[in-house]
């Protein structure tokens, strides 16, 4: 199956790409990892002004309505540029807050759409809970406001800090498949991460010389890059198919298929990028290391491939 974005969707993706290219996202990622959230917050606000977070917020709460294809398009670009912060978690929280409704939804959803609120959802740990404006946890079939505690757990991605979260107040019941929009957002982010790693690896293979020739001319390197491209290109339609099935009874199944494919494709591309670049790819000063580490961290975030394969089998 072939999925093609329409003209408006392509223009939206291109505008986000240009916005993020101008914004020094590697610098914002490094600052975020060091505890300086100001550059990341400014970036978050700029993305909100471009309409990114409104794509997950219902119209009655100042959003654009839930537009899953546009949301996937946006998260692809955010992954491609390694935007820091609980982006996926905030997207997932919109479903939970909308289901809770009432004053809670009226208070938080317009702030999410405007880029004024970062929300973390414990799954099972709360990402960046120390900087989030609201922390939610799903437990015993209900959504709870939670408080983060303890020392953050280390991650291969230094810009990802994971906290335990303790429920303190019940908000309401969890909607059916209430976290699947977050899973979809994570899968789209992974495709973006993989695409960026493939781009920089191809450019490096053209420039890096060995034995008097660019390493990209060697068959072994070509094959690794081609395999990574094929895997990403097979995963991308599954992510778009899941977006198109939003609201149907197949959504949960399709989201799991997308997450498995995106996880494996982005992780394979990260390994290929590391092999093509050599040891330099894992040095802190070299930008591709930010994407390589993120790819590994996202491989199991929002459900590992084995978890989602089991879910797919159960749906058959």
C-alpha atoms as a PDB file:
ATOM      1  CA  UNK A   1       0.000   0.000   0.000  1.00  0.00           C
ATOM      2  CA  UNK A   2       1.292   3.485  -0.892  1.00  0.00           C
ATOM      3  CA  UNK A   3       0.590   6.504   1.290  1.00  0.00           C
ATOM      4  CA  UNK A   4       1.138   9.977  -0.120  1.00  0.00           C
ATOM      5  CA  UNK A   5       0.686  13.193   1.831  1.00  0.00           C
ATOM      6  CA  UNK A   6      -1.423  15.854   0.169  1.00  0.00           C
ATOM      7  CA  UNK A   7      -0.045  19.287  -0.690  1.00  0.00           C
ATOM      8  CA  UNK A   8      -1.017  20.913   2.605  1.00  0.00           C
ATOM      9  CA  UNK A   9       0.486  18.070   4.632  1.00  0.00           C
ATOM     10  CA  UNK A  10       3.750  18.211   2.681  1.00  0.00           C
ATOM     11  CA  UNK A  11       3.891  21.975   3.156  1.00  0.00           C
ATOM     12  CA  UNK A  12       3.316  21.508   6.900  1.00  0.00           C
ATOM     13  CA  UNK A  13       6.141  18.966   7.120  1.00  0.00           C
ATOM     14  CA  UNK A  14       8.466  21.219   5.140  1.00  0.00           C
ATOM     15  CA  UNK A  15       7.694  24.238   7.324  1.00  0.00           C
ATOM     16  CA  UNK A  16       8.430  22.239  10.479  1.00  0.00           C
ATOM     17  CA  UNK A  17      11.676  20.957   8.973  1.00  0.00           C
ATOM     18  CA  UNK A  18      12.806  24.503   8.174  1.00  0.00           C
ATOM     19  CA  UNK A  19      11.759  25.766  11.608  1.00  0.00           C
ATOM     20  CA  UNK A  20      13.733  23.052  13.362  1.00  0.00           C
ATOM     21  CA  UNK A  21      16.752  23.411  11.073  1.00  0.00           C
ATOM     22  CA  UNK A  22      17.027  27.054  12.187  1.00  0.00           C
ATOM     23  CA  UNK A  23      16.612  26.234  15.859  1.00  0.00           C
ATOM     24  CA  UNK A  24      19.854  24.405  16.761  1.00  0.00           C
ATOM     25  CA  UNK A  25      18.045  21.392  18.157  1.00  0.00           C
ATOM     26  CA  UNK A  26      21.337  19.576  18.947  1.00  0.00           C
ATOM     27  CA  UNK A  27      22.206  22.508  21.212  1.00  0.00           C
ATOM     28  CA  UNK A  28      18.759  22.346  22.835  1.00  0.00           C
ATOM     29  CA  UNK A  29      19.170  18.585  23.392  1.00  0.00           C
ATOM     30  CA  UNK A  30      22.555  19.029  25.049  1.00  0.00           C
ATOM     31  CA  UNK A  31      21.234  21.876  27.211  1.00  0.00           C
ATOM     32  CA  UNK A  32      18.230  19.742  28.218  1.00  0.00           C
ATOM     33  CA  UNK A  33      20.514  16.876  29.219  1.00  0.00           C
ATOM     34  CA  UNK A  34      22.560  19.307  31.336  1.00  0.00           C
ATOM     35  CA  UNK A  35      19.455  20.564  33.157  1.00  0.00           C
ATOM     36  CA  UNK A  36      18.977  23.818  31.209  1.00  0.00           C
ATOM     37  CA  UNK A  37      15.439  23.609  29.860  1.00  0.00           C
ATOM     38  CA  UNK A  38      15.122  27.161  28.534  1.00  0.00           C
ATOM     39  CA  UNK A  39      16.176  26.417  24.913  1.00  0.00           C
ATOM     40  CA  UNK A  40      13.897  23.377  24.837  1.00  0.00           C
ATOM     41  CA  UNK A  41      10.985  25.389  26.221  1.00  0.00           C
ATOM     42  CA  UNK A  42      11.487  28.055  23.555  1.00  0.00           C
ATOM     43  CA  UNK A  43      11.511  25.356  20.908  1.00  0.00           C
ATOM     44  CA  UNK A  44       8.368  23.825  22.402  1.00  0.00           C
ATOM     45  CA  UNK A  45       6.606  27.213  22.206  1.00  0.00           C
ATOM     46  CA  UNK A  46       7.644  27.673  18.578  1.00  0.00           C
ATOM     47  CA  UNK A  47       6.260  24.240  17.705  1.00  0.00           C
ATOM     48  CA  UNK A  48       2.996  25.100  19.434  1.00  0.00           C
ATOM     49  CA  UNK A  49       2.746  28.304  17.401  1.00  0.00           C
ATOM     50  CA  UNK A  50       3.187  26.154  14.293  1.00  0.00           C
ATOM     51  CA  UNK A  51       0.152  24.142  15.444  1.00  0.00           C
ATOM     52  CA  UNK A  52       1.857  20.894  16.428  1.00  0.00           C
ATOM     53  CA  UNK A  53       0.247  20.253  19.818  1.00  0.00           C
ATOM     54  CA  UNK A  54      -3.176  21.495  18.718  1.00  0.00           C
ATOM     55  CA  UNK A  55      -3.293  18.472  16.401  1.00  0.00           C
ATOM     56  CA  UNK A  56      -3.972  16.229  19.411  1.00  0.00           C
ATOM     57  CA  UNK A  57      -6.440  18.520  21.216  1.00  0.00           C
ATOM     58  CA  UNK A  58     -10.231  18.576  20.597  1.00  0.00           C
ATOM     59  CA  UNK A  59     -11.663  21.719  19.037  1.00  0.00           C
ATOM     60  CA  UNK A  60     -13.728  22.578  22.115  1.00  0.00           C
ATOM     61  CA  UNK A  61     -10.471  22.997  24.014  1.00  0.00           C
ATOM     62  CA  UNK A  62      -8.796  25.328  21.496  1.00  0.00           C
ATOM     63  CA  UNK A  63      -7.283  22.538  19.445  1.00  0.00           C
ATOM     64  CA  UNK A  64      -7.571  21.589  15.794  1.00  0.00           C
ATOM     65  CA  UNK A  65      -9.375  18.364  16.624  1.00  0.00           C
ATOM     66  CA  UNK A  66      -7.466  15.099  16.703  1.00  0.00           C
ATOM     67  CA  UNK A  67      -5.817  14.880  13.262  1.00  0.00           C
ATOM     68  CA  UNK A  68      -3.737  11.679  13.366  1.00  0.00           C
ATOM     69  CA  UNK A  69      -2.166  11.908   9.901  1.00  0.00           C
ATOM     70  CA  UNK A  70      -0.991  15.472  10.503  1.00  0.00           C
ATOM     71  CA  UNK A  71       0.158  14.448  13.984  1.00  0.00           C
ATOM     72  CA  UNK A  72       2.243  11.608  12.551  1.00  0.00           C
ATOM     73  CA  UNK A  73       3.679  14.034  10.007  1.00  0.00           C
ATOM     74  CA  UNK A  74       4.683  16.422  12.791  1.00  0.00           C
ATOM     75  CA  UNK A  75       6.168  13.739  15.056  1.00  0.00           C
ATOM     76  CA  UNK A  76       8.208  12.418  12.147  1.00  0.00           C
ATOM     77  CA  UNK A  77       9.867  15.840  11.842  1.00  0.00           C
ATOM     78  CA  UNK A  78      10.325  16.146  15.612  1.00  0.00           C
ATOM     79  CA  UNK A  79      12.083  12.786  15.614  1.00  0.00           C
ATOM     80  CA  UNK A  80      14.126  13.761  12.575  1.00  0.00           C
ATOM     81  CA  UNK A  81      15.431  16.737  14.571  1.00  0.00           C
ATOM     82  CA  UNK A  82      15.640  14.978  17.983  1.00  0.00           C
ATOM     83  CA  UNK A  83      13.414  17.515  19.752  1.00  0.00           C
ATOM     84  CA  UNK A  84      13.842  17.020  23.522  1.00  0.00           C
ATOM     85  CA  UNK A  85      11.132  16.769  26.162  1.00  0.00           C
ATOM     86  CA  UNK A  86       8.017  14.685  26.812  1.00  0.00           C
ATOM     87  CA  UNK A  87       6.509  15.254  23.362  1.00  0.00           C
ATOM     88  CA  UNK A  88       4.976  11.785  22.989  1.00  0.00           C
ATOM     89  CA  UNK A  89       3.798  11.822  26.588  1.00  0.00           C
ATOM     90  CA  UNK A  90       2.032  15.154  26.107  1.00  0.00           C
ATOM     91  CA  UNK A  91       0.290  13.789  23.006  1.00  0.00           C
ATOM     92  CA  UNK A  92      -0.803  10.700  24.954  1.00  0.00           C
ATOM     93  CA  UNK A  93      -2.061  12.866  27.805  1.00  0.00           C
ATOM     94  CA  UNK A  94      -4.513  14.675  25.529  1.00  0.00           C
ATOM     95  CA  UNK A  95      -6.560  11.481  25.132  1.00  0.00           C
ATOM     96  CA  UNK A  96      -6.602  10.887  28.878  1.00  0.00           C
ATOM     97  CA  UNK A  97      -7.507  14.483  29.729  1.00  0.00           C
ATOM     98  CA  UNK A  98     -10.233  14.622  27.084  1.00  0.00           C
ATOM     99  CA  UNK A  99     -11.765  11.425  28.495  1.00  0.00           C
ATOM    100  CA  UNK A 100     -11.701  12.809  32.027  1.00  0.00           C
ATOM    101  CA  UNK A 101     -13.392  15.984  30.813  1.00  0.00           C
ATOM    102  CA  UNK A 102     -14.777  18.628  33.129  1.00  0.00           C
ATOM    103  CA  UNK A 103     -12.655  21.304  34.742  1.00  0.00           C
ATOM    104  CA  UNK A 104      -9.485  19.230  34.392  1.00  0.00           C
ATOM    105  CA  UNK A 105      -9.753  19.084  30.601  1.00  0.00           C
ATOM    106  CA  UNK A 106     -10.796  22.729  30.441  1.00  0.00           C
ATOM    107  CA  UNK A 107      -7.761  23.739  32.484  1.00  0.00           C
ATOM    108  CA  UNK A 108      -5.048  21.684  30.824  1.00  0.00           C
ATOM    109  CA  UNK A 109      -5.953  21.001  27.198  1.00  0.00           C
ATOM    110  CA  UNK A 110      -5.895  24.649  26.038  1.00  0.00           C
ATOM    111  CA  UNK A 111      -2.513  25.022  27.722  1.00  0.00           C
ATOM    112  CA  UNK A 112      -1.216  21.955  25.902  1.00  0.00           C
ATOM    113  CA  UNK A 113      -2.441  23.318  22.559  1.00  0.00           C
ATOM    114  CA  UNK A 114      -0.733  26.642  23.268  1.00  0.00           C
ATOM    115  CA  UNK A 115       2.566  24.997  24.223  1.00  0.00           C
ATOM    116  CA  UNK A 116       2.294  26.287  27.779  1.00  0.00           C
ATOM    117  CA  UNK A 117       2.066  22.878  29.459  1.00  0.00           C
ATOM    118  CA  UNK A 118       4.377  19.882  29.238  1.00  0.00           C
ATOM    119  CA  UNK A 119       2.673  16.729  30.475  1.00  0.00           C
ATOM    120  CA  UNK A 120       4.373  13.483  31.428  1.00  0.00           C
ATOM    121  CA  UNK A 121       2.585  10.137  31.523  1.00  0.00           C
ATOM    122  CA  UNK A 122       4.191   7.314  33.494  1.00  0.00           C
ATOM    123  CA  UNK A 123       4.606   4.348  31.125  1.00  0.00           C
ATOM    124  CA  UNK A 124       5.901   2.878  33.385  1.00  0.00           C
ATOM    125  CA  UNK A 125       8.240   5.737  34.278  1.00  0.00           C
ATOM    126  CA  UNK A 126       7.451   9.422  33.879  1.00  0.00           C
ATOM    127  CA  UNK A 127       9.756  11.060  31.339  1.00  0.00           C
ATOM    128  CA  UNK A 128      11.107  14.476  32.382  1.00  0.00           C
ATOM    129  CA  UNK A 129       8.729  14.593  35.323  1.00  0.00           C
ATOM    130  CA  UNK A 130      10.935  17.144  37.021  1.00  0.00           C
ATOM    131  CA  UNK A 131      10.186  19.731  34.344  1.00  0.00           C
ATOM    132  CA  UNK A 132       6.639  18.657  33.422  1.00  0.00           C
ATOM    133  CA  UNK A 133       3.770  20.912  34.470  1.00  0.00           C
ATOM    134  CA  UNK A 134       1.514  17.910  35.050  1.00  0.00           C
ATOM    135  CA  UNK A 135       2.298  14.236  35.676  1.00  0.00           C
ATOM    136  CA  UNK A 136      -0.301  11.534  35.057  1.00  0.00           C
ATOM    137  CA  UNK A 137      -0.235   7.822  35.779  1.00  0.00           C
ATOM    138  CA  UNK A 138      -2.609   5.071  34.671  1.00  0.00           C
ATOM    139  CA  UNK A 139      -3.292   2.567  37.431  1.00  0.00           C
ATOM    140  CA  UNK A 140      -6.148   0.179  38.251  1.00  0.00           C
ATOM    141  CA  UNK A 141      -8.150   1.359  35.261  1.00  0.00           C
ATOM    142  CA  UNK A 142      -8.079   5.025  36.267  1.00  0.00           C
ATOM    143  CA  UNK A 143      -6.135   8.153  35.404  1.00  0.00           C
ATOM    144  CA  UNK A 144      -4.402   9.748  38.380  1.00  0.00           C
ATOM    145  CA  UNK A 145      -2.517  12.953  38.966  1.00  0.00           C
ATOM    146  CA  UNK A 146       0.874  11.842  40.214  1.00  0.00           C
ATOM    147  CA  UNK A 147       3.938  13.190  41.947  1.00  0.00           C
ATOM    148  CA  UNK A 148       7.424  12.226  40.778  1.00  0.00           C
ATOM    149  CA  UNK A 149       9.906  11.004  43.326  1.00  0.00           C
ATOM    150  CA  UNK A 150      13.332   9.603  43.848  1.00  0.00           C
ATOM    151  CA  UNK A 151      16.465   9.834  41.785  1.00  0.00           C
ATOM    152  CA  UNK A 152      15.911   9.723  38.026  1.00  0.00           C
ATOM    153  CA  UNK A 153      16.848   6.483  36.330  1.00  0.00           C
ATOM    154  CA  UNK A 154      19.656   6.658  33.836  1.00  0.00           C
ATOM    155  CA  UNK A 155      18.979   6.265  30.151  1.00  0.00           C
ATOM    156  CA  UNK A 156      21.206   5.657  27.163  1.00  0.00           C
ATOM    157  CA  UNK A 157      19.825   8.975  25.944  1.00  0.00           C
ATOM    158  CA  UNK A 158      21.128  11.589  28.418  1.00  0.00           C
ATOM    159  CA  UNK A 159      18.278  13.927  27.467  1.00  0.00           C
ATOM    160  CA  UNK A 160      15.730  11.416  28.797  1.00  0.00           C
ATOM    161  CA  UNK A 161      15.286  11.375  32.593  1.00  0.00           C
ATOM    162  CA  UNK A 162      12.882   8.750  33.909  1.00  0.00           C
ATOM    163  CA  UNK A 163      11.155   9.101  37.278  1.00  0.00           C
ATOM    164  CA  UNK A 164       8.918   6.897  39.350  1.00  0.00           C
ATOM    165  CA  UNK A 165       5.482   8.445  39.858  1.00  0.00           C
ATOM    166  CA  UNK A 166       3.140   8.057  42.831  1.00  0.00           C
ATOM    167  CA  UNK A 167      -0.621   8.538  42.274  1.00  0.00           C
ATOM    168  CA  UNK A 168      -2.103  11.226  44.522  1.00  0.00           C
ATOM    169  CA  UNK A 169      -5.551  11.985  43.070  1.00  0.00           C
ATOM    170  CA  UNK A 170      -7.984  10.093  40.844  1.00  0.00           C
ATOM    171  CA  UNK A 171      -9.274  11.980  37.805  1.00  0.00           C
ATOM    172  CA  UNK A 172     -11.441   9.375  36.126  1.00  0.00           C
ATOM    173  CA  UNK A 173     -11.538   6.059  34.241  1.00  0.00           C
ATOM    174  CA  UNK A 174      -9.090   5.288  31.440  1.00  0.00           C
ATOM    175  CA  UNK A 175     -10.719   5.209  27.991  1.00  0.00           C
ATOM    176  CA  UNK A 176     -10.371   2.032  25.935  1.00  0.00           C
ATOM    177  CA  UNK A 177      -6.946   1.936  24.299  1.00  0.00           C
ATOM    178  CA  UNK A 178      -6.363   5.304  25.921  1.00  0.00           C
ATOM    179  CA  UNK A 179      -2.580   5.256  25.468  1.00  0.00           C
ATOM    180  CA  UNK A 180      -2.493   4.194  21.820  1.00  0.00           C
ATOM    181  CA  UNK A 181      -2.219   7.715  20.444  1.00  0.00           C
ATOM    182  CA  UNK A 182       1.028   7.957  22.403  1.00  0.00           C
ATOM    183  CA  UNK A 183       2.237   4.676  20.919  1.00  0.00           C
ATOM    184  CA  UNK A 184       1.474   5.995  17.430  1.00  0.00           C
ATOM    185  CA  UNK A 185       3.314   9.250  18.163  1.00  0.00           C
ATOM    186  CA  UNK A 186       6.344   7.300  19.396  1.00  0.00           C
ATOM    187  CA  UNK A 187       6.386   5.164  16.232  1.00  0.00           C
ATOM    188  CA  UNK A 188       6.282   8.273  14.038  1.00  0.00           C
ATOM    189  CA  UNK A 189       9.090   9.823  16.057  1.00  0.00           C
ATOM    190  CA  UNK A 190      11.167   6.669  15.551  1.00  0.00           C
ATOM    191  CA  UNK A 191      10.765   6.819  11.777  1.00  0.00           C
ATOM    192  CA  UNK A 192      12.011  10.406  11.885  1.00  0.00           C
ATOM    193  CA  UNK A 193      15.015   9.406  13.981  1.00  0.00           C
ATOM    194  CA  UNK A 194      15.824   6.603  11.552  1.00  0.00           C
ATOM    195  CA  UNK A 195      15.472   8.854   8.534  1.00  0.00           C
ATOM    196  CA  UNK A 196      17.899  11.415   9.965  1.00  0.00           C
ATOM    197  CA  UNK A 197      20.462   8.743  10.800  1.00  0.00           C
ATOM    198  CA  UNK A 198      20.236   7.345   7.276  1.00  0.00           C
ATOM    199  CA  UNK A 199      20.668  10.829   5.784  1.00  0.00           C
ATOM    200  CA  UNK A 200      23.805  11.638   7.775  1.00  0.00           C
ATOM    201  CA  UNK A 201      25.246   8.161   7.188  1.00  0.00           C
ATOM    202  CA  UNK A 202      24.860   8.476   3.419  1.00  0.00           C
ATOM    203  CA  UNK A 203      26.519  11.895   3.465  1.00  0.00           C
ATOM    204  CA  UNK A 204      29.361  10.594   5.615  1.00  0.00           C
ATOM    205  CA  UNK A 205      29.859   7.583   3.327  1.00  0.00           C
ATOM    206  CA  UNK A 206      30.208   9.945   0.361  1.00  0.00           C
ATOM    207  CA  UNK A 207      32.810  12.110   2.118  1.00  0.00           C
ATOM    208  CA  UNK A 208      34.866   9.629   4.174  1.00  0.00           C
ATOM    209  CA  UNK A 209      37.660   8.056   2.159  1.00  0.00           C
ATOM    210  CA  UNK A 210      39.510   4.802   2.669  1.00  0.00           C
ATOM    211  CA  UNK A 211      42.096   3.337   0.304  1.00  0.00           C
ATOM    212  CA  UNK A 212      41.695   6.418  -1.869  1.00  0.00           C
ATOM    213  CA  UNK A 213      37.940   5.965  -2.396  1.00  0.00           C
ATOM    214  CA  UNK A 214      34.779   7.141  -0.618  1.00  0.00           C
ATOM    215  CA  UNK A 215      33.635   4.331   1.663  1.00  0.00           C
ATOM    216  CA  UNK A 216      30.184   4.594   0.100  1.00  0.00           C
ATOM    217  CA  UNK A 217      31.595   2.964  -3.037  1.00  0.00           C
ATOM    218  CA  UNK A 218      32.252  -0.303  -1.182  1.00  0.00           C
ATOM    219  CA  UNK A 219      29.552  -2.940  -1.607  1.00  0.00           C
ATOM    220  CA  UNK A 220      29.393  -3.837   2.086  1.00  0.00           C
ATOM    221  CA  UNK A 221      28.605  -0.238   3.041  1.00  0.00           C
ATOM    222  CA  UNK A 222      26.076   0.106   0.208  1.00  0.00           C
ATOM    223  CA  UNK A 223      24.279  -3.047   1.311  1.00  0.00           C
ATOM    224  CA  UNK A 224      23.992  -1.925   4.937  1.00  0.00           C
ATOM    225  CA  UNK A 225      22.600   1.469   3.924  1.00  0.00           C
ATOM    226  CA  UNK A 226      20.216  -0.087   1.401  1.00  0.00           C
ATOM    227  CA  UNK A 227      18.900  -2.548   3.991  1.00  0.00           C
ATOM    228  CA  UNK A 228      18.277   0.297   6.435  1.00  0.00           C
ATOM    229  CA  UNK A 229      16.402   2.273   3.753  1.00  0.00           C
ATOM    230  CA  UNK A 230      14.223  -0.709   2.840  1.00  0.00           C
ATOM    231  CA  UNK A 231      13.311  -1.360   6.462  1.00  0.00           C
ATOM    232  CA  UNK A 232      12.386   2.295   7.063  1.00  0.00           C
ATOM    233  CA  UNK A 233      10.345   2.390   3.862  1.00  0.00           C
ATOM    234  CA  UNK A 234       8.426  -0.722   4.899  1.00  0.00           C
ATOM    235  CA  UNK A 235       7.758   0.676   8.377  1.00  0.00           C
ATOM    236  CA  UNK A 236       6.575   4.125   7.275  1.00  0.00           C
ATOM    237  CA  UNK A 237       3.336   2.936   5.566  1.00  0.00           C
ATOM    238  CA  UNK A 238       2.399   0.956   8.678  1.00  0.00           C
ATOM    239  CA  UNK A 239       2.620   4.145  10.751  1.00  0.00           C
ATOM    240  CA  UNK A 240       0.412   6.007   8.270  1.00  0.00           C
ATOM    241  CA  UNK A 241      -2.016   3.073   8.109  1.00  0.00           C
ATOM    242  CA  UNK A 242      -2.360   3.198  11.891  1.00  0.00           C
ATOM    243  CA  UNK A 243      -3.031   6.945  11.705  1.00  0.00           C
ATOM    244  CA  UNK A 244      -5.775   6.372   9.134  1.00  0.00           C
ATOM    245  CA  UNK A 245      -7.406   3.722  11.325  1.00  0.00           C
ATOM    246  CA  UNK A 246      -7.682   6.081  14.314  1.00  0.00           C
ATOM    247  CA  UNK A 247     -11.145   5.766  15.833  1.00  0.00           C
ATOM    248  CA  UNK A 248     -11.819   2.328  14.322  1.00  0.00           C
ATOM    249  CA  UNK A 249     -11.805  -1.041  16.047  1.00  0.00           C
ATOM    250  CA  UNK A 250      -8.557  -1.855  14.217  1.00  0.00           C
ATOM    251  CA  UNK A 251      -6.631   1.066  15.687  1.00  0.00           C
ATOM    252  CA  UNK A 252      -5.029  -0.855  18.570  1.00  0.00           C
ATOM    253  CA  UNK A 253      -3.896  -3.668  16.270  1.00  0.00           C
ATOM    254  CA  UNK A 254      -2.550  -1.277  13.636  1.00  0.00           C
ATOM    255  CA  UNK A 255      -0.714   0.829  16.215  1.00  0.00           C
ATOM    256  CA  UNK A 256       1.073  -2.249  17.541  1.00  0.00           C
ATOM    257  CA  UNK A 257       2.093  -3.290  14.020  1.00  0.00           C
ATOM    258  CA  UNK A 258       3.436   0.224  13.415  1.00  0.00           C
ATOM    259  CA  UNK A 259       5.368   0.270  16.681  1.00  0.00           C
ATOM    260  CA  UNK A 260       7.048  -3.072  16.006  1.00  0.00           C
ATOM    261  CA  UNK A 261       8.128  -2.032  12.525  1.00  0.00           C
ATOM    262  CA  UNK A 262       9.255   1.471  13.546  1.00  0.00           C
ATOM    263  CA  UNK A 263      11.211   0.189  16.546  1.00  0.00           C
ATOM    264  CA  UNK A 264      13.094  -2.406  14.544  1.00  0.00           C
ATOM    265  CA  UNK A 265      13.727  -0.105  11.569  1.00  0.00           C
ATOM    266  CA  UNK A 266      15.043   2.827  13.590  1.00  0.00           C
ATOM    267  CA  UNK A 267      17.205   0.581  15.761  1.00  0.00           C
ATOM    268  CA  UNK A 268      18.675  -1.190  12.725  1.00  0.00           C
ATOM    269  CA  UNK A 269      19.423   2.175  11.119  1.00  0.00           C
ATOM    270  CA  UNK A 270      21.115   3.349  14.318  1.00  0.00           C
ATOM    271  CA  UNK A 271      23.378   0.285  14.294  1.00  0.00           C
ATOM    272  CA  UNK A 272      24.169   0.879  10.634  1.00  0.00           C
ATOM    273  CA  UNK A 273      24.971   4.536  11.344  1.00  0.00           C
ATOM    274  CA  UNK A 274      27.339   3.483  14.107  1.00  0.00           C
ATOM    275  CA  UNK A 275      29.089   1.000  11.815  1.00  0.00           C
ATOM    276  CA  UNK A 276      29.414   3.497   8.954  1.00  0.00           C
ATOM    277  CA  UNK A 277      30.730   6.320  11.125  1.00  0.00           C
ATOM    278  CA  UNK A 278      32.908   4.200  13.373  1.00  0.00           C
ATOM    279  CA  UNK A 279      33.752   5.226  16.921  1.00  0.00           C
ATOM    280  CA  UNK A 280      33.203   8.930  16.212  1.00  0.00           C
ATOM    281  CA  UNK A 281      29.469   8.253  16.023  1.00  0.00           C
ATOM    282  CA  UNK A 282      29.290   7.658  19.758  1.00  0.00           C
ATOM    283  CA  UNK A 283      31.233  10.685  20.926  1.00  0.00           C
ATOM    284  CA  UNK A 284      29.305  13.376  22.779  1.00  0.00           C
ATOM    285  CA  UNK A 285      30.595  16.156  20.532  1.00  0.00           C
ATOM    286  CA  UNK A 286      29.330  14.530  17.319  1.00  0.00           C
ATOM    287  CA  UNK A 287      25.653  15.277  16.597  1.00  0.00           C
ATOM    288  CA  UNK A 288      24.665  11.840  15.186  1.00  0.00           C
ATOM    289  CA  UNK A 289      25.332  10.371  18.643  1.00  0.00           C
ATOM    290  CA  UNK A 290      22.196  12.171  19.848  1.00  0.00           C
ATOM    291  CA  UNK A 291      20.026  10.266  17.366  1.00  0.00           C
ATOM    292  CA  UNK A 292      21.810   6.937  17.863  1.00  0.00           C
ATOM    293  CA  UNK A 293      21.176   7.076  21.612  1.00  0.00           C
ATOM    294  CA  UNK A 294      17.597   8.195  21.133  1.00  0.00           C
ATOM    295  CA  UNK A 295      16.921   5.314  18.745  1.00  0.00           C
ATOM    296  CA  UNK A 296      18.036   2.811  21.374  1.00  0.00           C
ATOM    297  CA  UNK A 297      16.011   4.459  24.132  1.00  0.00           C
ATOM    298  CA  UNK A 298      12.848   4.594  21.989  1.00  0.00           C
ATOM    299  CA  UNK A 299      13.220   0.951  20.934  1.00  0.00           C
ATOM    300  CA  UNK A 300      11.480  -0.163  24.122  1.00  0.00           C
ATOM    301  CA  UNK A 301       9.629   3.056  25.021  1.00  0.00           C
ATOM    302  CA  UNK A 302       5.825   2.768  24.900  1.00  0.00           C
ATOM    303  CA  UNK A 303       6.062  -0.989  24.617  1.00  0.00           C
ATOM    304  CA  UNK A 304       8.910  -3.128  23.323  1.00  0.00           C
ATOM    305  CA  UNK A 305       8.588  -5.005  20.023  1.00  0.00           C
ATOM    306  CA  UNK A 306       7.910  -8.222  21.944  1.00  0.00           C
ATOM    307  CA  UNK A 307       5.059  -6.584  23.878  1.00  0.00           C
ATOM    308  CA  UNK A 308       3.428  -5.330  20.699  1.00  0.00           C
ATOM    309  CA  UNK A 309       3.969  -8.613  18.861  1.00  0.00           C
ATOM    310  CA  UNK A 310       2.088 -10.346  21.671  1.00  0.00           C
ATOM    311  CA  UNK A 311      -0.684  -7.795  21.326  1.00  0.00           C
ATOM    312  CA  UNK A 312      -0.866  -8.434  17.596  1.00  0.00           C
ATOM    313  CA  UNK A 313      -1.116 -12.176  18.141  1.00  0.00           C
ATOM    314  CA  UNK A 314      -3.929 -11.654  20.628  1.00  0.00           C
ATOM    315  CA  UNK A 315      -5.817  -9.589  18.044  1.00  0.00           C
ATOM    316  CA  UNK A 316      -5.709 -12.331  15.379  1.00  0.00           C
END
